Structure formats: structure tokens, C-alpha cells
Amino acid sequence: MLDINLFKRQVKEWIAKTPQGDSQALLDFCEAQIPPSQFTAYQWLVDQTMSWYTQMMERRKLGDPSEWESG
């Protein structure tokens, strides 16, 4: 079973360590964190993470720092 809290922490750490990363790099990272045998069951988590990341990046472009770390 995948530890969702650990997954979220790892994603936030990846974002902090990879400020020039893009959506495709994050998607690759997320997919690598989920064991292949469990990927179908946790596809929703990858989708949710990518949606959150897209929103966060849009807020950064708009200069709203209050939203950079929420989620």
C-alpha cells in the first residue's frame, strides 16, 4: 500500500529541489514513486498532484506567493 502522506512530502521536496522542473518532469517523478502493481489504484493521486501543480504554477506567474505552498 502506498503511503499517501509520504508521496505528498516527496512531491513537495522534489518541487523545492527542482525549481526549474516542468510538468512532464514532475509527472515522471510521480509515476516513479508508485509501484507498477499499484499504479491503476493510485492514478487519481497523480492526476490530483498534477492539477495542484498546474494551479500553483499559474499562481506563481500571477505573483500570488500566499498560494505557493498550499495544497
Protein backbone atom coordinates (compact mmCIF):
# COMPACT_ATOMS: atom_id res chain seq x y z
CA MET A 1 0.00 0.00 0.00
CA LEU A 2 1.25 3.42 -0.92
CA ASP A 3 1.82 5.93 1.89
CA ILE A 4 -0.03 8.96 0.52
CA ASN A 5 1.46 11.35 3.08
CA LEU A 6 4.97 10.23 2.15
CA PHE A 7 4.11 10.65 -1.52
CA LYS A 8 2.92 14.22 -0.93
CA ARG A 9 6.05 15.03 1.09
CA GLN A 10 8.27 13.63 -1.64
CA VAL A 11 6.47 15.72 -4.26
CA LYS A 12 6.92 18.90 -2.22
CA GLU A 13 10.60 18.07 -1.69
CA TRP A 14 11.02 17.46 -5.42
CA ILE A 15 9.46 20.84 -6.20
CA ALA A 16 11.73 22.58 -3.68
CA LYS A 17 14.85 20.86 -5.06
CA THR A 18 13.82 21.25 -8.71
CA PRO A 19 12.60 24.83 -9.13
CA GLN A 20 13.18 24.72 -12.88
CA GLY A 21 11.27 21.47 -13.24
CA ASP A 22 8.30 21.28 -15.54
CA SER A 23 5.04 19.35 -15.58
CA GLN A 24 6.47 16.43 -17.54
CA ALA A 25 9.39 16.02 -15.13
CA LEU A 26 7.00 16.07 -12.18
CA LEU A 27 4.72 13.56 -13.87
CA ASP A 28 7.68 11.24 -14.43
CA PHE A 29 8.71 11.66 -10.80
CA CYS A 30 5.20 10.94 -9.52
CA GLU A 31 4.79 7.87 -11.68
CA ALA A 32 8.15 6.53 -10.48
CA GLN A 33 7.01 6.77 -6.85
CA ILE A 34 4.11 4.37 -7.36
CA PRO A 35 4.82 0.66 -7.71
CA PRO A 36 3.62 -0.61 -11.11
CA SER A 37 1.29 -3.13 -9.48
CA GLN A 38 -0.49 -0.28 -7.66
CA PHE A 39 -0.45 2.35 -10.38
CA THR A 40 -4.03 1.89 -11.52
CA ALA A 41 -5.31 2.22 -7.96
CA TYR A 42 -3.35 5.45 -7.41
CA GLN A 43 -3.68 7.11 -10.81
CA TRP A 44 -6.07 9.56 -9.14
CA LEU A 45 -3.24 10.74 -6.89
CA VAL A 46 -1.01 11.53 -9.85
CA ASP A 47 -3.88 13.36 -11.56
CA GLN A 48 -4.63 15.34 -8.40
CA THR A 49 -0.95 16.21 -7.93
CA MET A 50 -0.61 17.43 -11.50
CA SER A 51 -3.74 19.56 -11.17
CA TRP A 52 -2.43 21.10 -7.93
CA TYR A 53 0.97 21.74 -9.54
CA THR A 54 -0.60 23.44 -12.56
CA GLN A 55 -2.65 25.71 -10.30
CA MET A 56 0.35 26.51 -8.14
CA MET A 57 2.47 27.43 -11.16
CA GLU A 58 -0.29 29.68 -12.51
CA ARG A 59 -0.48 31.48 -9.16
CA ARG A 60 3.28 31.94 -9.18
CA LYS A 61 3.06 33.53 -12.63
CA LEU A 62 0.42 35.90 -11.26
CA GLY A 63 2.68 36.77 -8.32
CA ASP A 64 0.49 35.34 -5.54
CA PRO A 65 3.08 33.96 -3.06
CA SER A 66 0.42 33.11 -0.48
CA GLU A 67 -0.57 30.12 -2.61
CA TRP A 68 2.88 28.75 -3.46
CA GLU A 69 3.00 26.13 -0.74
CA SER A 70 -0.66 25.38 -0.15
CA GLY A 71 -2.08 22.03 -1.03
